[in-house]
C-alpha atoms as a PDB file:
ATOM      1  CA  UNK A   1     -24.273  -2.301 -26.397  1.00  0.00           C
ATOM      2  CA  UNK A   2     -22.512  -0.430 -23.593  1.00  0.00           C
ATOM      3  CA  UNK A   3     -20.449  -2.688 -21.334  1.00  0.00           C
ATOM      4  CA  UNK A   4     -21.593  -2.840 -17.737  1.00  0.00           C
ATOM      5  CA  UNK A   5     -19.199  -0.959 -15.397  1.00  0.00           C
ATOM      6  CA  UNK A   6     -17.047  -3.248 -13.333  1.00  0.00           C
ATOM      7  CA  UNK A   7     -17.235  -3.142  -9.578  1.00  0.00           C
ATOM      8  CA  UNK A   8     -14.794  -4.390  -7.013  1.00  0.00           C
ATOM      9  CA  UNK A   9     -16.059  -7.068  -4.664  1.00  0.00           C
ATOM     10  CA  UNK A  10     -13.607  -7.555  -1.801  1.00  0.00           C
ATOM     11  CA  UNK A  11     -12.580 -11.148  -1.165  1.00  0.00           C
ATOM     12  CA  UNK A  12     -13.817 -10.981   2.440  1.00  0.00           C
ATOM     13  CA  UNK A  13     -17.387 -10.360   3.555  1.00  0.00           C
ATOM     14  CA  UNK A  14     -17.826  -7.133   5.510  1.00  0.00           C
ATOM     15  CA  UNK A  15     -18.019  -7.639   9.266  1.00  0.00           C
ATOM     16  CA  UNK A  16     -18.743  -5.338  12.159  1.00  0.00           C
ATOM     17  CA  UNK A  17     -15.754  -3.762  13.878  1.00  0.00           C
ATOM     18  CA  UNK A  18     -16.485  -5.690  17.068  1.00  0.00           C
ATOM     19  CA  UNK A  19     -16.358  -8.997  15.188  1.00  0.00           C
ATOM     20  CA  UNK A  20     -13.143  -8.048  13.417  1.00  0.00           C
ATOM     21  CA  UNK A  21     -11.501  -7.075  16.714  1.00  0.00           C
ATOM     22  CA  UNK A  22     -12.590 -10.338  18.340  1.00  0.00           C
ATOM     23  CA  UNK A  23     -11.286 -12.360  15.380  1.00  0.00           C
ATOM     24  CA  UNK A  24      -7.845 -10.790  15.646  1.00  0.00           C
ATOM     25  CA  UNK A  25      -7.358 -12.737  18.853  1.00  0.00           C
ATOM     26  CA  UNK A  26      -4.862 -11.657  21.467  1.00  0.00           C
ATOM     27  CA  UNK A  27      -2.980  -8.476  20.618  1.00  0.00           C
ATOM     28  CA  UNK A  28       0.797  -8.518  20.951  1.00  0.00           C
ATOM     29  CA  UNK A  29       2.411  -6.492  23.706  1.00  0.00           C
ATOM     30  CA  UNK A  30       3.205  -3.067  22.279  1.00  0.00           C
ATOM     31  CA  UNK A  31       6.195  -0.848  22.998  1.00  0.00           C
ATOM     32  CA  UNK A  32       6.513   2.915  23.017  1.00  0.00           C
ATOM     33  CA  UNK A  33       8.509   4.111  19.995  1.00  0.00           C
ATOM     34  CA  UNK A  34       9.417   7.479  18.474  1.00  0.00           C
ATOM     35  CA  UNK A  35      10.841   8.015  14.981  1.00  0.00           C
ATOM     36  CA  UNK A  36      12.313  11.376  13.922  1.00  0.00           C
ATOM     37  CA  UNK A  37      13.150  12.304  10.346  1.00  0.00           C
ATOM     38  CA  UNK A  38      16.421  13.883  11.502  1.00  0.00           C
ATOM     39  CA  UNK A  39      17.664  10.608  13.023  1.00  0.00           C
ATOM     40  CA  UNK A  40      16.353   8.054  10.527  1.00  0.00           C
ATOM     41  CA  UNK A  41      17.242   7.281   6.976  1.00  0.00           C
ATOM     42  CA  UNK A  42      15.700   5.955   3.781  1.00  0.00           C
ATOM     43  CA  UNK A  43      17.000   2.531   2.773  1.00  0.00           C
ATOM     44  CA  UNK A  44      16.690   0.623  -0.479  1.00  0.00           C
ATOM     45  CA  UNK A  45      15.960  -2.674   1.248  1.00  0.00           C
ATOM     46  CA  UNK A  46      12.332  -3.436   0.559  1.00  0.00           C
ATOM     47  CA  UNK A  47       9.673  -4.856  -1.704  1.00  0.00           C
ATOM     48  CA  UNK A  48      10.530  -2.846  -4.826  1.00  0.00           C
ATOM     49  CA  UNK A  49      14.092  -2.023  -6.026  1.00  0.00           C
ATOM     50  CA  UNK A  50      13.054   1.451  -7.279  1.00  0.00           C
ATOM     51  CA  UNK A  51      11.653   2.451  -3.859  1.00  0.00           C
ATOM     52  CA  UNK A  52      13.495   3.661  -0.761  1.00  0.00           C
ATOM     53  CA  UNK A  53      11.876   3.075   2.615  1.00  0.00           C
ATOM     54  CA  UNK A  54      11.980   4.879   5.953  1.00  0.00           C
ATOM     55  CA  UNK A  55      10.814   2.427   8.604  1.00  0.00           C
ATOM     56  CA  UNK A  56       8.761   4.172  11.301  1.00  0.00           C
ATOM     57  CA  UNK A  57       9.261   1.353  13.815  1.00  0.00           C
ATOM     58  CA  UNK A  58       5.632   0.220  13.995  1.00  0.00           C
ATOM     59  CA  UNK A  59       6.372  -3.402  13.154  1.00  0.00           C
ATOM     60  CA  UNK A  60       8.785  -3.759  16.069  1.00  0.00           C
ATOM     61  CA  UNK A  61       6.615  -1.682  18.428  1.00  0.00           C
ATOM     62  CA  UNK A  62       3.456  -3.730  17.685  1.00  0.00           C
ATOM     63  CA  UNK A  63       5.015  -7.180  17.624  1.00  0.00           C
ATOM     64  CA  UNK A  64       4.477  -7.388  13.852  1.00  0.00           C
ATOM     65  CA  UNK A  65       0.794  -6.409  13.919  1.00  0.00           C
ATOM     66  CA  UNK A  66       1.256  -3.162  11.928  1.00  0.00           C
ATOM     67  CA  UNK A  67       3.819  -1.847   9.447  1.00  0.00           C
ATOM     68  CA  UNK A  68       4.149   1.897   8.945  1.00  0.00           C
ATOM     69  CA  UNK A  69       6.730   3.412   6.648  1.00  0.00           C
ATOM     70  CA  UNK A  70       7.375   6.346   4.373  1.00  0.00           C
ATOM     71  CA  UNK A  71       8.510   5.372   0.938  1.00  0.00           C
ATOM     72  CA  UNK A  72      10.013   7.513  -1.779  1.00  0.00           C
ATOM     73  CA  UNK A  73      11.223   6.876  -5.259  1.00  0.00           C
ATOM     74  CA  UNK A  74      14.894   6.089  -5.517  1.00  0.00           C
ATOM     75  CA  UNK A  75      14.856   5.991  -9.323  1.00  0.00           C
ATOM     76  CA  UNK A  76      12.973   7.810 -12.092  1.00  0.00           C
ATOM     77  CA  UNK A  77       9.807   6.155 -13.373  1.00  0.00           C
ATOM     78  CA  UNK A  78      10.487   3.180 -15.676  1.00  0.00           C
ATOM     79  CA  UNK A  79       7.252   1.525 -16.868  1.00  0.00           C
ATOM     80  CA  UNK A  80       9.000  -1.792 -17.572  1.00  0.00           C
ATOM     81  CA  UNK A  81      10.119  -2.048 -13.932  1.00  0.00           C
ATOM     82  CA  UNK A  82       7.195  -0.347 -12.201  1.00  0.00           C
ATOM     83  CA  UNK A  83       3.932  -0.953 -14.065  1.00  0.00           C
ATOM     84  CA  UNK A  84       3.377  -4.557 -13.030  1.00  0.00           C
ATOM     85  CA  UNK A  85      -0.136  -5.584 -12.045  1.00  0.00           C
ATOM     86  CA  UNK A  86      -0.218  -6.934  -8.493  1.00  0.00           C
ATOM     87  CA  UNK A  87      -2.102  -7.175  -5.225  1.00  0.00           C
ATOM     88  CA  UNK A  88      -1.139  -7.340  -1.562  1.00  0.00           C
ATOM     89  CA  UNK A  89      -2.253 -10.087   0.820  1.00  0.00           C
ATOM     90  CA  UNK A  90      -3.208  -7.728   3.669  1.00  0.00           C
ATOM     91  CA  UNK A  91      -6.089  -7.088   6.052  1.00  0.00           C
ATOM     92  CA  UNK A  92      -5.753  -3.277   5.805  1.00  0.00           C
ATOM     93  CA  UNK A  93      -3.698  -0.804   3.769  1.00  0.00           C
ATOM     94  CA  UNK A  94      -3.849   2.977   3.838  1.00  0.00           C
ATOM     95  CA  UNK A  95      -1.679   5.225   1.682  1.00  0.00           C
ATOM     96  CA  UNK A  96      -1.269   8.993   2.136  1.00  0.00           C
ATOM     97  CA  UNK A  97       0.702  11.110  -0.359  1.00  0.00           C
ATOM     98  CA  UNK A  98       3.125  13.378   1.481  1.00  0.00           C
ATOM     99  CA  UNK A  99       4.861  14.859  -1.546  1.00  0.00           C
ATOM    100  CA  UNK A 100       4.697  14.584  -5.344  1.00  0.00           C
ATOM    101  CA  UNK A 101       2.078  12.592  -7.273  1.00  0.00           C
ATOM    102  CA  UNK A 102       1.311   9.199  -8.756  1.00  0.00           C
ATOM    103  CA  UNK A 103      -1.261   7.762 -11.130  1.00  0.00           C
ATOM    104  CA  UNK A 104      -2.628   4.325 -10.269  1.00  0.00           C
ATOM    105  CA  UNK A 105      -5.264   2.040 -11.814  1.00  0.00           C
ATOM    106  CA  UNK A 106      -7.339  -0.043  -9.378  1.00  0.00           C
ATOM    107  CA  UNK A 107      -9.433  -3.107 -10.182  1.00  0.00           C
ATOM    108  CA  UNK A 108     -13.016  -1.999 -10.789  1.00  0.00           C
ATOM    109  CA  UNK A 109     -12.217   1.618  -9.849  1.00  0.00           C
ATOM    110  CA  UNK A 110     -10.317   2.932 -12.882  1.00  0.00           C
ATOM    111  CA  UNK A 111      -7.396   5.347 -12.848  1.00  0.00           C
ATOM    112  CA  UNK A 112      -6.801   7.834 -10.068  1.00  0.00           C
ATOM    113  CA  UNK A 113      -4.316  10.708  -9.904  1.00  0.00           C
ATOM    114  CA  UNK A 114      -3.055  11.003  -6.351  1.00  0.00           C
ATOM    115  CA  UNK A 115      -1.367  14.251  -5.286  1.00  0.00           C
ATOM    116  CA  UNK A 116       0.070  15.588  -2.024  1.00  0.00           C
ATOM    117  CA  UNK A 117      -2.738  15.274   0.525  1.00  0.00           C
ATOM    118  CA  UNK A 118      -4.527  12.423  -1.299  1.00  0.00           C
ATOM    119  CA  UNK A 119      -5.298   9.378   0.817  1.00  0.00           C
ATOM    120  CA  UNK A 120      -6.794   6.028  -0.082  1.00  0.00           C
ATOM    121  CA  UNK A 121      -7.739   2.772   1.546  1.00  0.00           C
ATOM    122  CA  UNK A 122      -6.682  -0.142  -0.612  1.00  0.00           C
ATOM    123  CA  UNK A 123      -8.969  -3.124   0.142  1.00  0.00           C
ATOM    124  CA  UNK A 124      -7.400  -6.504   0.721  1.00  0.00           C
ATOM    125  CA  UNK A 125      -6.590  -8.236  -2.550  1.00  0.00           C
ATOM    126  CA  UNK A 126      -7.485  -5.376  -4.926  1.00  0.00           C
ATOM    127  CA  UNK A 127      -5.383  -5.637  -8.086  1.00  0.00           C
ATOM    128  CA  UNK A 128      -3.666  -2.429  -9.109  1.00  0.00           C
ATOM    129  CA  UNK A 129      -1.017  -1.010 -11.411  1.00  0.00           C
ATOM    130  CA  UNK A 130       1.179   2.033 -10.864  1.00  0.00           C
ATOM    131  CA  UNK A 131       1.016   3.876 -14.187  1.00  0.00           C
ATOM    132  CA  UNK A 132       3.254   6.853 -13.471  1.00  0.00           C
ATOM    133  CA  UNK A 133       4.816   8.863 -10.614  1.00  0.00           C
ATOM    134  CA  UNK A 134       6.862  11.994  -9.989  1.00  0.00           C
ATOM    135  CA  UNK A 135      10.522  11.641  -9.055  1.00  0.00           C
ATOM    136  CA  UNK A 136       9.841  13.330  -5.693  1.00  0.00           C
ATOM    137  CA  UNK A 137       6.931  11.049  -4.689  1.00  0.00           C
ATOM    138  CA  UNK A 138       6.781  10.193  -0.979  1.00  0.00           C
ATOM    139  CA  UNK A 139       3.906   8.292   0.616  1.00  0.00           C
ATOM    140  CA  UNK A 140       3.065   7.120   4.111  1.00  0.00           C
ATOM    141  CA  UNK A 141       1.768   3.543   4.196  1.00  0.00           C
ATOM    142  CA  UNK A 142       0.081   1.833   7.135  1.00  0.00           C
ATOM    143  CA  UNK A 143      -0.478  -1.887   6.645  1.00  0.00           C
ATOM    144  CA  UNK A 144      -1.928  -4.735   8.703  1.00  0.00           C
ATOM    145  CA  UNK A 145      -0.370  -7.254   9.186  1.00  0.00           C
ATOM    146  CA  UNK A 146       3.187  -5.964   9.389  1.00  0.00           C
ATOM    147  CA  UNK A 147       4.494  -8.763   7.161  1.00  0.00           C
ATOM    148  CA  UNK A 148       2.572  -9.644   4.019  1.00  0.00           C
ATOM    149  CA  UNK A 149       2.955 -11.050   0.518  1.00  0.00           C
ATOM    150  CA  UNK A 150       2.707  -9.157  -2.761  1.00  0.00           C
ATOM    151  CA  UNK A 151       1.464 -11.225  -5.692  1.00  0.00           C
ATOM    152  CA  UNK A 152       2.201 -10.193  -9.273  1.00  0.00           C
ATOM    153  CA  UNK A 153      -0.489 -11.049 -11.824  1.00  0.00           C
ATOM    154  CA  UNK A 154      -0.088 -11.330 -15.576  1.00  0.00           C
ATOM    155  CA  UNK A 155      -3.215  -9.617 -16.822  1.00  0.00           C
ATOM    156  CA  UNK A 156      -3.046  -5.976 -17.929  1.00  0.00           C
ATOM    157  CA  UNK A 157      -5.243  -3.296 -16.257  1.00  0.00           C
ATOM    158  CA  UNK A 158      -8.900  -3.404 -17.242  1.00  0.00           C
ATOM    159  CA  UNK A 159      -8.977  -7.164 -17.936  1.00  0.00           C
ATOM    160  CA  UNK A 160     -10.331  -8.313 -14.593  1.00  0.00           C
END
């Protein structure tokens, strides 16, 4: 008997854009902000110790509504440190590969090889595992809200 393919059911019911906008309530006052590569730096102060982050200033400019950053790999791939199953408690997350590649497994979606130019929307709460990446990997991430929790889970990929 062939097992039925798994699908990912997001934790939230889909809503129309107008409803989602209304439910966000009052938007914070936003500020104009510019970030230049030549005048900013990558820092190792973030969620993962093997990642360096270049803050693009979106969190401050949007009153915490949005986070936008470029992250790169500060250390070579180490599966013991990196390949931990987790999910992010977010409303929206988009990732765009600027340079290099990574291989990621997503709950109900299988493995995907992402290369420079690849972009994905990571639904709220989807469990995933980074399986491998190049030393030169750099990605742009845009996340709502600007501050969120990451939850590690114990189960290995494919056991959802």
